[in-house]
Amino acid sequence: MLSLDHLPHTWRTRQAGTLAATAVITLSLFSWLALTTSSGTGLAPHDQSVTTWAVDERHPALTIIMQVFTALGSTVGLTILTAICATLLFMRGRRIRALVLNLTMISSSLLTVALKEIFRRARPSTDTLLGAPASTTSFPSGHSFNTAVFAGLLAGMVLASTVAALYRALAIMAAAGATLLVGTSRVYLGYHWMTDVLAGWSLGLAWLCLVTLALLWLKGRRRQALPSAAVPSDSSSGVEGIEPPPA
């Protein structure tokens, strides 16, 4: 039987197991989307009909809303939001959280560029595009991926900091709502296929799980390296820099 004793204690918890399972499932979904879109199978044959439906449902007021959300999820928008949030965290003494936020967003942005170069999927026709043509390829949707990572990471920080049900619910709803609207806006405005957005969402959740697992690993290794007297009495599995809520 495979022993897990060599792993940090933070990787031998139910939380770590759930994160690992979620990462495997969402990475499998992303891989399936990548393979089927490349071969024109799976959900890919429905991409054009979804785009056509989105174009038919356009309305001036709705278009403005979608343009706002697509701007928030852009490289410029997320860079500004990340800088603001990281600065606020740093000023409040949450330096590790600020560092985690910055490094996570930088890594997800670099991964976006790499994946687009690998798959090089063509975007929808510019005939139905609302906005300036994009200079990058289509798969996966960088807006959807990076917004999911940004919003999910902030929500995770809230969940780890409070036991108040209202705040936790608001954090989850805000993260899910922002991610949903940014992704939807990319199809509505004609920049992406539906499957590009689904791939971005699945990869975003996977990346969040992997980042959290990495933080749990580092926390466990640090505790192993400390003398027993120097290890905090709190044995919770909270992530380094994202402390567990008070009891």
Foldseek 3Di string as FASTA:
>chain_A
DDDPVVAFVLCVDPLNVVLVVLLVVLVVVLVVLLVCCLVVDDCNVCQVVLLVVLLVPDDVVVLVVLVVLLCCLDPVNVVVVLVVVLVVCVVVVLNVLSVLSVVLLVVLVVVVQVVQVVRVAAFFDCVQADDDADPTGAAADSSLQSLLQNLVSVLLLQQQAAPPPVSNVVSVCVSVVSSVSNLVSCSSRRGYTNSNNSSSNSNNSSSNSVSQSVQLRVVSVVQVPDDPVPRDPDPDSDGVSSHHYDD
